[in-house]
PDB file of N, CA and C in Angstrom:
ATOM      1  N   MET A   1     214.326  61.638 106.178  1.00  0.00           N
ATOM      2  CA  MET A   1     213.444  61.814 104.723  1.00  0.00           C
ATOM      3  C   MET A   1     211.992  61.845 105.187  1.00  0.00           C
ATOM      4  N   GLU A   2     211.172  62.869 104.952  1.00  0.00           N
ATOM      5  CA  GLU A   2     209.860  62.727 105.420  1.00  0.00           C
ATOM      6  C   GLU A   2     208.995  62.119 104.322  1.00  0.00           C
ATOM      7  N   SER A   3     207.931  61.466 104.915  1.00  0.00           N
ATOM      8  CA  SER A   3     207.068  60.686 104.052  1.00  0.00           C
ATOM      9  C   SER A   3     206.409  61.438 103.088  1.00  0.00           C
ATOM     10  N   ALA A   4     205.917  60.886 102.024  1.00  0.00           N
ATOM     11  CA  ALA A   4     205.182  61.637 100.962  1.00  0.00           C
ATOM     12  C   ALA A   4     203.837  62.174 101.189  1.00  0.00           C
ATOM     13  N   ASP A   5     203.413  61.592 102.361  1.00  0.00           N
ATOM     14  CA  ASP A   5     201.940  61.905 102.777  1.00  0.00           C
ATOM     15  C   ASP A   5     201.807  62.527 103.885  1.00  0.00           C
ATOM     16  N   THR A   6     202.553  63.813 104.017  1.00  0.00           N
ATOM     17  CA  THR A   6     202.339  64.620 105.220  1.00  0.00           C
ATOM     18  C   THR A   6     201.926  65.992 104.787  1.00  0.00           C
ATOM     19  N   PRO A   7     201.513  66.819 105.753  1.00  0.00           N
ATOM     20  CA  PRO A   7     201.068  68.311 105.401  1.00  0.00           C
ATOM     21  C   PRO A   7     202.082  69.011 104.700  1.00  0.00           C
ATOM     22  N   ARG A   8     203.317  68.807 105.094  1.00  0.00           N
ATOM     23  CA  ARG A   8     204.509  69.609 104.666  1.00  0.00           C
ATOM     24  C   ARG A   8     204.635  69.040 103.252  1.00  0.00           C
ATOM     25  N   THR A   9     204.602  67.967 102.846  1.00  0.00           N
ATOM     26  CA  THR A   9     204.863  67.568 101.443  1.00  0.00           C
ATOM     27  C   THR A   9     203.739  67.990 100.422  1.00  0.00           C
ATOM     28  N   HIS A  10     202.539  67.824 101.057  1.00  0.00           N
ATOM     29  CA  HIS A  10     201.303  68.384 100.400  1.00  0.00           C
ATOM     30  C   HIS A  10     201.265  69.730 100.037  1.00  0.00           C
ATOM     31  N   ALA A  11     201.810  70.747 101.132  1.00  0.00           N
ATOM     32  CA  ALA A  11     202.215  72.117 100.712  1.00  0.00           C
ATOM     33  C   ALA A  11     203.079  72.248  99.721  1.00  0.00           C
ATOM     34  N   ALA A  12     204.298  71.410  99.846  1.00  0.00           N
ATOM     35  CA  ALA A  12     205.231  71.568  98.847  1.00  0.00           C
ATOM     36  C   ALA A  12     204.932  71.308  97.642  1.00  0.00           C
ATOM     37  N   VAL A  13     203.975  70.443  97.308  1.00  0.00           N
ATOM     38  CA  VAL A  13     203.341  69.740  96.061  1.00  0.00           C
ATOM     39  C   VAL A  13     202.579  70.873  95.585  1.00  0.00           C
ATOM     40  N   LYS A  14     201.674  71.502  96.285  1.00  0.00           N
ATOM     41  CA  LYS A  14     200.842  72.766  95.861  1.00  0.00           C
ATOM     42  C   LYS A  14     201.620  73.853  95.479  1.00  0.00           C
ATOM     43  N   GLN A  15     202.458  74.093  96.129  1.00  0.00           N
ATOM     44  CA  GLN A  15     203.483  75.429  95.688  1.00  0.00           C
ATOM     45  C   GLN A  15     204.216  74.933  94.252  1.00  0.00           C
ATOM     46  N   ILE A  16     204.559  73.618  94.153  1.00  0.00           N
ATOM     47  CA  ILE A  16     205.288  73.356  93.080  1.00  0.00           C
ATOM     48  C   ILE A  16     204.347  73.556  91.795  1.00  0.00           C
ATOM     49  N   GLU A  17     203.161  72.983  91.917  1.00  0.00           N
ATOM     50  CA  GLU A  17     202.032  73.217  91.060  1.00  0.00           C
ATOM     51  C   GLU A  17     201.924  74.512  90.662  1.00  0.00           C
ATOM     52  N   ALA A  18     201.576  75.260  91.460  1.00  0.00           N
ATOM     53  CA  ALA A  18     201.420  76.814  91.329  1.00  0.00           C
ATOM     54  C   ALA A  18     202.584  77.377  90.462  1.00  0.00           C
ATOM     55  N   LEU A  19     203.943  76.953  90.967  1.00  0.00           N
ATOM     56  CA  LEU A  19     205.054  77.592  90.299  1.00  0.00           C
ATOM     57  C   LEU A  19     205.093  77.014  88.880  1.00  0.00           C
ATOM     58  N   ARG A  20     204.656  75.882  88.691  1.00  0.00           N
ATOM     59  CA  ARG A  20     204.792  75.196  87.240  1.00  0.00           C
ATOM     60  C   ARG A  20     203.831  75.910  86.325  1.00  0.00           C
ATOM     61  N   SER A  21     202.484  76.226  86.953  1.00  0.00           N
ATOM     62  CA  SER A  21     201.628  76.911  86.323  1.00  0.00           C
ATOM     63  C   SER A  21     202.108  78.330  85.818  1.00  0.00           C
ATOM     64  N   THR A  22     202.846  79.032  86.672  1.00  0.00           N
ATOM     65  CA  THR A  22     203.157  80.238  86.337  1.00  0.00           C
ATOM     66  C   THR A  22     204.335  80.227  85.283  1.00  0.00           C
ATOM     67  N   ILE A  23     205.130  79.215  85.377  1.00  0.00           N
ATOM     68  CA  ILE A  23     206.263  78.823  84.306  1.00  0.00           C
ATOM     69  C   ILE A  23     205.694  78.589  82.928  1.00  0.00           C
ATOM     70  N   ASP A  24     204.519  77.702  83.008  1.00  0.00           N
ATOM     71  CA  ASP A  24     203.795  77.385  81.735  1.00  0.00           C
ATOM     72  C   ASP A  24     203.366  78.772  80.985  1.00  0.00           C
ATOM     73  N   ASN A  25     202.859  79.555  81.954  1.00  0.00           N
ATOM     74  CA  ASN A  25     202.110  80.829  81.513  1.00  0.00           C
ATOM     75  C   ASN A  25     203.242  81.864  80.863  1.00  0.00           C
ATOM     76  N   ILE A  26     204.510  81.940  81.518  1.00  0.00           N
ATOM     77  CA  ILE A  26     205.518  82.663  81.070  1.00  0.00           C
ATOM     78  C   ILE A  26     206.011  82.048  79.671  1.00  0.00           C
ATOM     79  N   ASP A  27     206.213  80.841  79.733  1.00  0.00           N
ATOM     80  CA  ASP A  27     206.733  80.051  78.510  1.00  0.00           C
ATOM     81  C   ASP A  27     205.657  80.587  77.316  1.00  0.00           C
ATOM     82  N   ALA A  28     204.497  80.415  77.475  1.00  0.00           N
ATOM     83  CA  ALA A  28     203.481  80.823  76.386  1.00  0.00           C
ATOM     84  C   ALA A  28     203.690  82.243  75.981  1.00  0.00           C
ATOM     85  N   ALA A  29     203.757  83.107  76.957  1.00  0.00           N
ATOM     86  CA  ALA A  29     204.021  84.571  76.552  1.00  0.00           C
ATOM     87  C   ALA A  29     205.241  84.683  75.822  1.00  0.00           C
ATOM     88  N   VAL A  30     206.335  83.984  76.189  1.00  0.00           N
ATOM     89  CA  VAL A  30     207.655  84.145  75.491  1.00  0.00           C
ATOM     90  C   VAL A  30     207.616  83.809  74.008  1.00  0.00           C
ATOM     91  N   ILE A  31     206.916  82.624  73.851  1.00  0.00           N
ATOM     92  CA  ILE A  31     206.774  82.129  72.522  1.00  0.00           C
ATOM     93  C   ILE A  31     205.948  83.012  71.679  1.00  0.00           C
ATOM     94  N   HIS A  32     204.946  83.579  72.168  1.00  0.00           N
ATOM     95  CA  HIS A  32     203.963  84.616  71.511  1.00  0.00           C
ATOM     96  C   HIS A  32     204.904  85.861  71.038  1.00  0.00           C
ATOM     97  N   LEU A  33     205.675  86.292  72.203  1.00  0.00           N
ATOM     98  CA  LEU A  33     206.422  87.361  71.897  1.00  0.00           C
ATOM     99  C   LEU A  33     207.699  87.132  70.636  1.00  0.00           C
ATOM    100  N   LEU A  34     208.010  85.894  70.917  1.00  0.00           N
ATOM    101  CA  LEU A  34     209.173  85.458  69.724  1.00  0.00           C
ATOM    102  C   LEU A  34     208.458  85.738  68.496  1.00  0.00           C
ATOM    103  N   ALA A  35     207.281  85.116  68.397  1.00  0.00           N
ATOM    104  CA  ALA A  35     206.402  85.064  67.211  1.00  0.00           C
ATOM    105  C   ALA A  35     206.302  86.644  66.604  1.00  0.00           C
ATOM    106  N   GLU A  36     205.904  87.326  67.474  1.00  0.00           N
ATOM    107  CA  GLU A  36     205.835  88.771  67.092  1.00  0.00           C
ATOM    108  C   GLU A  36     207.004  89.548  66.721  1.00  0.00           C
ATOM    109  N   ARG A  37     208.181  89.112  67.394  1.00  0.00           N
ATOM    110  CA  ARG A  37     209.385  89.565  67.124  1.00  0.00           C
ATOM    111  C   ARG A  37     209.975  89.047  65.674  1.00  0.00           C
ATOM    112  N   PHE A  38     209.656  87.841  65.294  1.00  0.00           N
ATOM    113  CA  PHE A  38     210.075  87.342  64.127  1.00  0.00           C
ATOM    114  C   PHE A  38     209.072  88.075  63.057  1.00  0.00           C
ATOM    115  N   LYS A  39     207.966  88.248  63.185  1.00  0.00           N
ATOM    116  CA  LYS A  39     207.153  88.975  62.251  1.00  0.00           C
ATOM    117  C   LYS A  39     207.648  90.321  61.699  1.00  0.00           C
ATOM    118  N   ALA A  40     208.039  91.026  62.869  1.00  0.00           N
ATOM    119  CA  ALA A  40     208.747  92.243  62.810  1.00  0.00           C
ATOM    120  C   ALA A  40     210.173  92.190  61.949  1.00  0.00           C
ATOM    121  N   THR A  41     210.980  91.174  62.406  1.00  0.00           N
ATOM    122  CA  THR A  41     212.257  91.083  61.642  1.00  0.00           C
ATOM    123  C   THR A  41     211.889  90.692  60.165  1.00  0.00           C
ATOM    124  N   SER A  42     210.906  89.905  60.027  1.00  0.00           N
ATOM    125  CA  SER A  42     210.685  89.512  58.278  1.00  0.00           C
ATOM    126  C   SER A  42     210.265  90.734  57.838  1.00  0.00           C
ATOM    127  N   ARG A  43     209.447  91.676  58.420  1.00  0.00           N
ATOM    128  CA  ARG A  43     209.297  92.956  57.421  1.00  0.00           C
ATOM    129  C   ARG A  43     210.675  93.795  57.356  1.00  0.00           C
ATOM    130  N   VAL A  44     211.363  93.804  58.386  1.00  0.00           N
ATOM    131  CA  VAL A  44     212.801  94.371  58.200  1.00  0.00           C
ATOM    132  C   VAL A  44     213.553  93.580  57.007  1.00  0.00           C
ATOM    133  N   GLY A  45     213.541  92.396  57.083  1.00  0.00           N
ATOM    134  CA  GLY A  45     214.046  91.649  55.866  1.00  0.00           C
ATOM    135  C   GLY A  45     213.604  92.119  54.555  1.00  0.00           C
ATOM    136  N   VAL A  46     212.445  92.300  54.496  1.00  0.00           N
ATOM    137  CA  VAL A  46     211.497  92.780  53.211  1.00  0.00           C
ATOM    138  C   VAL A  46     212.102  94.099  52.820  1.00  0.00           C
ATOM    139  N   LEU A  47     212.151  94.959  53.747  1.00  0.00           N
ATOM    140  CA  LEU A  47     212.643  96.519  53.428  1.00  0.00           C
ATOM    141  C   LEU A  47     214.289  96.215  53.184  1.00  0.00           C
ATOM    142  N   LYS A  48     214.973  95.628  53.631  1.00  0.00           N
ATOM    143  CA  LYS A  48     216.483  95.416  53.564  1.00  0.00           C
ATOM    144  C   LYS A  48     216.513  94.938  52.028  1.00  0.00           C
ATOM    145  N   ALA A  49     215.640  93.960  51.660  1.00  0.00           N
ATOM    146  CA  ALA A  49     215.636  93.356  50.342  1.00  0.00           C
ATOM    147  C   ALA A  49     215.379  94.377  49.132  1.00  0.00           C
ATOM    148  N   GLN A  50     214.399  94.960  49.588  1.00  0.00           N
ATOM    149  CA  GLN A  50     214.281  96.167  48.641  1.00  0.00           C
ATOM    150  C   GLN A  50     215.054  97.234  48.333  1.00  0.00           C
ATOM    151  N   ALA A  51     215.708  97.528  49.461  1.00  0.00           N
ATOM    152  CA  ALA A  51     216.671  98.473  49.358  1.00  0.00           C
ATOM    153  C   ALA A  51     218.065  98.016  48.971  1.00  0.00           C
ATOM    154  N   GLY A  52     218.294  96.755  48.891  1.00  0.00           N
ATOM    155  CA  GLY A  52     219.474  96.135  48.393  1.00  0.00           C
ATOM    156  C   GLY A  52     220.585  96.099  49.543  1.00  0.00           C
ATOM    157  N   PHE A  53     220.020  96.103  50.867  1.00  0.00           N
ATOM    158  CA  PHE A  53     221.032  96.051  52.050  1.00  0.00           C
ATOM    159  C   PHE A  53     221.379  94.696  52.390  1.00  0.00           C
ATOM    160  N   ALA A  54     222.504  94.391  52.835  1.00  0.00           N
ATOM    161  CA  ALA A  54     223.019  92.990  53.447  1.00  0.00           C
ATOM    162  C   ALA A  54     221.988  92.698  54.582  1.00  0.00           C
ATOM    163  N   PRO A  55     222.004  91.310  54.676  1.00  0.00           N
ATOM    164  CA  PRO A  55     221.063  90.841  55.688  1.00  0.00           C
ATOM    165  C   PRO A  55     221.597  91.070  57.122  1.00  0.00           C
ATOM    166  N   ALA A  56     222.960  91.253  57.416  1.00  0.00           N
ATOM    167  CA  ALA A  56     223.434  91.425  58.633  1.00  0.00           C
ATOM    168  C   ALA A  56     223.884  93.119  58.675  1.00  0.00           C
ATOM    169  N   ASP A  57     223.637  93.455  59.964  1.00  0.00           N
ATOM    170  CA  ASP A  57     223.908  94.938  60.351  1.00  0.00           C
ATOM    171  C   ASP A  57     224.815  94.776  61.542  1.00  0.00           C
ATOM    172  N   LEU A  58     226.103  94.808  61.565  1.00  0.00           N
ATOM    173  CA  LEU A  58     226.920  94.461  62.518  1.00  0.00           C
ATOM    174  C   LEU A  58     226.771  95.680  63.685  1.00  0.00           C
ATOM    175  N   GLN A  59     226.966  97.054  63.145  1.00  0.00           N
ATOM    176  CA  GLN A  59     226.749  97.982  63.958  1.00  0.00           C
ATOM    177  C   GLN A  59     225.394  97.920  65.062  1.00  0.00           C
ATOM    178  N   ARG A  60     224.215  97.458  64.509  1.00  0.00           N
ATOM    179  CA  ARG A  60     223.009  97.219  65.117  1.00  0.00           C
ATOM    180  C   ARG A  60     223.070  95.967  66.029  1.00  0.00           C
ATOM    181  N   GLU A  61     223.799  94.873  65.664  1.00  0.00           N
ATOM    182  CA  GLU A  61     223.984  93.877  66.622  1.00  0.00           C
ATOM    183  C   GLU A  61     224.802  94.261  67.859  1.00  0.00           C
ATOM    184  N   GLU A  62     225.826  94.972  67.484  1.00  0.00           N
ATOM    185  CA  GLU A  62     226.546  95.479  68.562  1.00  0.00           C
ATOM    186  C   GLU A  62     225.712  96.332  69.661  1.00  0.00           C
ATOM    187  N   GLN A  63     224.992  97.227  69.205  1.00  0.00           N
ATOM    188  CA  GLN A  63     224.148  97.965  70.005  1.00  0.00           C
ATOM    189  C   GLN A  63     223.142  96.986  70.669  1.00  0.00           C
ATOM    190  N   GLN A  64     222.639  96.094  69.999  1.00  0.00           N
ATOM    191  CA  GLN A  64     221.727  95.181  70.576  1.00  0.00           C
ATOM    192  C   GLN A  64     222.088  94.450  71.630  1.00  0.00           C
ATOM    193  N   ILE A  65     223.325  93.967  71.546  1.00  0.00           N
ATOM    194  CA  ILE A  65     223.932  92.995  72.795  1.00  0.00           C
ATOM    195  C   ILE A  65     224.367  94.102  73.918  1.00  0.00           C
ATOM    196  N   GLU A  66     224.583  95.291  73.558  1.00  0.00           N
ATOM    197  CA  GLU A  66     224.975  96.145  74.871  1.00  0.00           C
ATOM    198  C   GLU A  66     223.534  96.341  75.526  1.00  0.00           C
ATOM    199  N   ARG A  67     222.510  96.634  74.704  1.00  0.00           N
ATOM    200  CA  ARG A  67     221.228  96.947  75.294  1.00  0.00           C
ATOM    201  C   ARG A  67     220.690  95.763  76.188  1.00  0.00           C
ATOM    202  N   LEU A  68     220.976  94.541  75.344  1.00  0.00           N
ATOM    203  CA  LEU A  68     220.433  93.347  76.094  1.00  0.00           C
ATOM    204  C   LEU A  68     221.251  92.948  77.453  1.00  0.00           C
ATOM    205  N   ARG A  69     222.461  93.283  77.339  1.00  0.00           N
ATOM    206  CA  ARG A  69     223.302  93.079  78.755  1.00  0.00           C
ATOM    207  C   ARG A  69     222.868  93.936  79.533  1.00  0.00           C
ATOM    208  N   SER A  70     222.406  95.225  79.435  1.00  0.00           N
ATOM    209  CA  SER A  70     222.146  96.304  80.204  1.00  0.00           C
ATOM    210  C   SER A  70     220.730  95.761  80.972  1.00  0.00           C
ATOM    211  N   ILE A  71     219.802  95.339  79.917  1.00  0.00           N
ATOM    212  CA  ILE A  71     218.527  94.972  80.471  1.00  0.00           C
ATOM    213  C   ILE A  71     218.644  93.646  81.567  1.00  0.00           C
ATOM    214  N   ALA A  72     219.624  92.814  81.114  1.00  0.00           N
ATOM    215  CA  ALA A  72     219.693  91.596  81.941  1.00  0.00           C
ATOM    216  C   ALA A  72     220.376  91.984  83.338  1.00  0.00           C
ATOM    217  N   ARG A  73     221.283  92.835  83.208  1.00  0.00           N
ATOM    218  CA  ARG A  73     222.000  93.284  84.460  1.00  0.00           C
ATOM    219  C   ARG A  73     220.886  94.007  85.480  1.00  0.00           C
ATOM    220  N   ASP A  74     220.059  94.747  84.840  1.00  0.00           N
ATOM    221  CA  ASP A  74     218.921  95.344  85.681  1.00  0.00           C
ATOM    222  C   ASP A  74     217.810  94.537  86.072  1.00  0.00           C
ATOM    223  N   ALA A  75     217.773  93.391  85.466  1.00  0.00           N
ATOM    224  CA  ALA A  75     216.719  92.562  85.898  1.00  0.00           C
ATOM    225  C   ALA A  75     217.386  91.444  86.687  1.00  0.00           C
ATOM    226  N   GLY A  76     218.598  91.573  86.880  1.00  0.00           N
ATOM    227  CA  GLY A  76     219.083  90.387  87.894  1.00  0.00           C
ATOM    228  C   GLY A  76     219.493  89.138  87.359  1.00  0.00           C
ATOM    229  N   LEU A  77     219.532  89.073  85.724  1.00  0.00           N
ATOM    230  CA  LEU A  77     219.788  87.979  85.139  1.00  0.00           C
ATOM    231  C   LEU A  77     221.413  87.743  84.755  1.00  0.00           C
ATOM    232  N   ASP A  78     221.751  86.599  84.534  1.00  0.00           N
ATOM    233  CA  ASP A  78     223.100  86.239  84.032  1.00  0.00           C
ATOM    234  C   ASP A  78     223.086  86.896  82.655  1.00  0.00           C
ATOM    235  N   MET A  79     224.184  87.836  82.458  1.00  0.00           N
ATOM    236  CA  MET A  79     224.215  88.314  81.211  1.00  0.00           C
ATOM    237  C   MET A  79     224.425  87.261  79.966  1.00  0.00           C
ATOM    238  N   GLN A  80     225.133  86.134  80.349  1.00  0.00           N
ATOM    239  CA  GLN A  80     225.400  85.026  79.365  1.00  0.00           C
ATOM    240  C   GLN A  80     223.864  84.614  78.831  1.00  0.00           C
ATOM    241  N   ILE A  81     222.877  84.680  79.460  1.00  0.00           N
ATOM    242  CA  ILE A  81     221.600  84.339  78.969  1.00  0.00           C
ATOM    243  C   ILE A  81     221.220  85.227  78.017  1.00  0.00           C
ATOM    244  N   ALA A  82     221.410  86.551  78.117  1.00  0.00           N
ATOM    245  CA  ALA A  82     221.115  87.537  77.411  1.00  0.00           C
ATOM    246  C   ALA A  82     221.784  87.518  76.116  1.00  0.00           C
ATOM    247  N   GLU A  83     223.137  87.131  76.167  1.00  0.00           N
ATOM    248  CA  GLU A  83     224.072  86.861  74.945  1.00  0.00           C
ATOM    249  C   GLU A  83     223.456  85.679  74.096  1.00  0.00           C
ATOM    250  N   MET A  84     223.000  84.497  74.706  1.00  0.00           N
ATOM    251  CA  MET A  84     222.611  83.263  74.083  1.00  0.00           C
ATOM    252  C   MET A  84     221.280  83.717  73.475  1.00  0.00           C
ATOM    253  N   TYR A  85     220.493  84.528  74.096  1.00  0.00           N
ATOM    254  CA  TYR A  85     219.213  84.948  73.582  1.00  0.00           C
ATOM    255  C   TYR A  85     219.499  85.914  72.171  1.00  0.00           C
ATOM    256  N   LYS A  86     220.359  86.921  72.266  1.00  0.00           N
ATOM    257  CA  LYS A  86     220.689  87.559  71.237  1.00  0.00           C
ATOM    258  C   LYS A  86     221.286  86.671  70.022  1.00  0.00           C
ATOM    259  N   GLN A  87     222.019  85.799  70.544  1.00  0.00           N
ATOM    260  CA  GLN A  87     222.767  84.859  69.580  1.00  0.00           C
ATOM    261  C   GLN A  87     221.536  84.184  68.788  1.00  0.00           C
ATOM    262  N   PHE A  88     220.817  83.702  69.414  1.00  0.00           N
ATOM    263  CA  PHE A  88     219.584  82.878  68.785  1.00  0.00           C
ATOM    264  C   PHE A  88     218.803  83.910  67.773  1.00  0.00           C
ATOM    265  N   VAL A  89     218.139  84.925  68.374  1.00  0.00           N
ATOM    266  CA  VAL A  89     217.418  85.615  67.663  1.00  0.00           C
ATOM    267  C   VAL A  89     218.009  86.360  66.455  1.00  0.00           C
ATOM    268  N   VAL A  90     219.228  86.862  66.637  1.00  0.00           N
ATOM    269  CA  VAL A  90     220.061  87.642  65.556  1.00  0.00           C
ATOM    270  C   VAL A  90     220.193  86.590  64.331  1.00  0.00           C
ATOM    271  N   GLU A  91     220.723  85.534  64.906  1.00  0.00           N
ATOM    272  CA  GLU A  91     221.203  84.473  63.672  1.00  0.00           C
ATOM    273  C   GLU A  91     219.867  84.045  62.876  1.00  0.00           C
ATOM    274  N   GLU A  92     218.863  83.726  63.667  1.00  0.00           N
ATOM    275  CA  GLU A  92     217.573  83.429  63.054  1.00  0.00           C
ATOM    276  C   GLU A  92     217.141  84.511  62.175  1.00  0.00           C
ATOM    277  N   ALA A  93     217.100  85.754  62.702  1.00  0.00           N
ATOM    278  CA  ALA A  93     216.685  86.920  61.853  1.00  0.00           C
ATOM    279  C   ALA A  93     217.492  86.961  60.590  1.00  0.00           C
ATOM    280  N   LYS A  94     218.846  86.751  60.748  1.00  0.00           N
ATOM    281  CA  LYS A  94     219.783  86.987  59.359  1.00  0.00           C
ATOM    282  C   LYS A  94     219.512  85.776  58.487  1.00  0.00           C
ATOM    283  N   LYS A  95     219.279  84.835  58.849  1.00  0.00           N
ATOM    284  CA  LYS A  95     218.840  83.607  58.031  1.00  0.00           C
ATOM    285  C   LYS A  95     217.528  84.066  57.335  1.00  0.00           C
ATOM    286  N   ARG A  96     216.554  84.533  57.998  1.00  0.00           N
ATOM    287  CA  ARG A  96     215.239  84.881  57.359  1.00  0.00           C
ATOM    288  C   ARG A  96     215.421  85.979  56.408  1.00  0.00           C
ATOM    289  N   HIS A  97     216.353  86.956  56.776  1.00  0.00           N
ATOM    290  CA  HIS A  97     216.694  88.089  55.771  1.00  0.00           C
ATOM    291  C   HIS A  97     217.230  87.597  54.524  1.00  0.00           C
ATOM    292  N   GLN A  98     218.063  86.480  54.613  1.00  0.00           N
ATOM    293  CA  GLN A  98     218.909  86.080  53.506  1.00  0.00           C
ATOM    294  C   GLN A  98     218.072  85.226  52.735  1.00  0.00           C
ATOM    295  N   ARG A  99     217.009  84.500  53.386  1.00  0.00           N
ATOM    296  CA  ARG A  99     215.995  83.754  52.664  1.00  0.00           C
ATOM    297  C   ARG A  99     215.053  84.933  51.832  1.00  0.00           C
ATOM    298  N   ILE A 100     214.618  85.918  52.316  1.00  0.00           N
ATOM    299  CA  ILE A 100     213.942  87.010  51.725  1.00  0.00           C
ATOM    300  C   ILE A 100     214.730  87.539  50.506  1.00  0.00           C
ATOM    301  N   ILE A 101     216.064  87.827  50.570  1.00  0.00           N
ATOM    302  CA  ILE A 101     216.718  88.535  49.663  1.00  0.00           C
ATOM    303  C   ILE A 101     216.928  87.453  48.641  1.00  0.00           C
ATOM    304  N   ASP A 102     217.341  86.214  48.965  1.00  0.00           N
ATOM    305  CA  ASP A 102     217.336  85.184  47.865  1.00  0.00           C
ATOM    306  C   ASP A 102     215.831  84.920  47.119  1.00  0.00           C
ATOM    307  N   ALA A 103     214.839  85.255  47.649  1.00  0.00           N
ATOM    308  CA  ALA A 103     213.390  85.218  46.979  1.00  0.00           C
ATOM    309  C   ALA A 103     213.186  86.506  46.410  1.00  0.00           C
ATOM    310  N   GLY A 104     214.040  87.449  46.174  1.00  0.00           N
ATOM    311  CA  GLY A 104     213.587  88.814  45.612  1.00  0.00           C
ATOM    312  C   GLY A 104     212.852  89.621  46.236  1.00  0.00           C
ATOM    313  N   GLY A 105     212.882  89.653  47.610  1.00  0.00           N
ATOM    314  CA  GLY A 105     212.031  90.431  48.563  1.00  0.00           C
ATOM    315  C   GLY A 105     210.955  90.012  48.949  1.00  0.00           C
ATOM    316  N   ASP A 106     210.583  88.708  48.468  1.00  0.00           N
ATOM    317  CA  ASP A 106     209.238  87.957  49.086  1.00  0.00           C
ATOM    318  C   ASP A 106     209.489  87.074  50.135  1.00  0.00           C
ATOM    319  N   PRO A 107     208.756  87.708  51.337  1.00  0.00           N
ATOM    320  CA  PRO A 107     209.015  86.924  52.536  1.00  0.00           C
ATOM    321  C   PRO A 107     208.401  85.559  52.490  1.00  0.00           C
ATOM    322  N   GLY A 108     207.414  85.255  51.564  1.00  0.00           N
ATOM    323  CA  GLY A 108     206.954  83.820  51.469  1.00  0.00           C
ATOM    324  C   GLY A 108     206.405  83.556  52.706  1.00  0.00           C
ATOM    325  N   THR A 109     206.265  82.396  53.171  1.00  0.00           N
ATOM    326  CA  THR A 109     205.601  81.711  54.367  1.00  0.00           C
ATOM    327  C   THR A 109     206.832  81.351  55.304  1.00  0.00           C
ATOM    328  N   LEU A 110     207.419  82.370  55.815  1.00  0.00           N
ATOM    329  CA  LEU A 110     208.464  82.140  56.761  1.00  0.00           C
ATOM    330  C   LEU A 110     207.840  81.576  58.198  1.00  0.00           C
ATOM    331  N   ASP A 111     206.770  81.866  58.537  1.00  0.00           N
ATOM    332  CA  ASP A 111     206.029  81.473  59.803  1.00  0.00           C
ATOM    333  C   ASP A 111     204.687  80.942  59.308  1.00  0.00           C
ATOM    334  N   VAL A 112     204.299  79.887  59.748  1.00  0.00           N
ATOM    335  CA  VAL A 112     202.922  79.328  59.547  1.00  0.00           C
ATOM    336  C   VAL A 112     201.761  80.410  59.828  1.00  0.00           C
ATOM    337  N   TYR A 113     201.902  81.101  60.663  1.00  0.00           N
ATOM    338  CA  TYR A 113     200.923  82.005  61.224  1.00  0.00           C
ATOM    339  C   TYR A 113     201.197  83.494  61.061  1.00  0.00           C
ATOM    340  N   ALA A 114     202.259  83.699  60.214  1.00  0.00           N
ATOM    341  CA  ALA A 114     202.581  85.164  59.960  1.00  0.00           C
ATOM    342  C   ALA A 114     201.622  85.703  58.903  1.00  0.00           C
TER     343      ALA A 114
END
């Protein structure tokens, strides 16, 4: 085992720090994109409520998972991660749509910054 105070370990620490900075930036971007996504799905929920549509659209969900699987495959990402992402965002969007419907089409404050 190499001592913690060698040029090799210093180089490794610097690389890890740089990668962690990149990871932090990516996480911030993902969170901002999710916020934008949920703002858009809230607007969809309002339109669904106004039109009397159900919160769920199973045909759209199936199209979405196929599209996400394709994107994941093309990106070299495990397709299960795409499916977990879809599960999270679709379930959350459906909950929000139901709340909007229950509120008579009023999205209220679904997101603090919406």
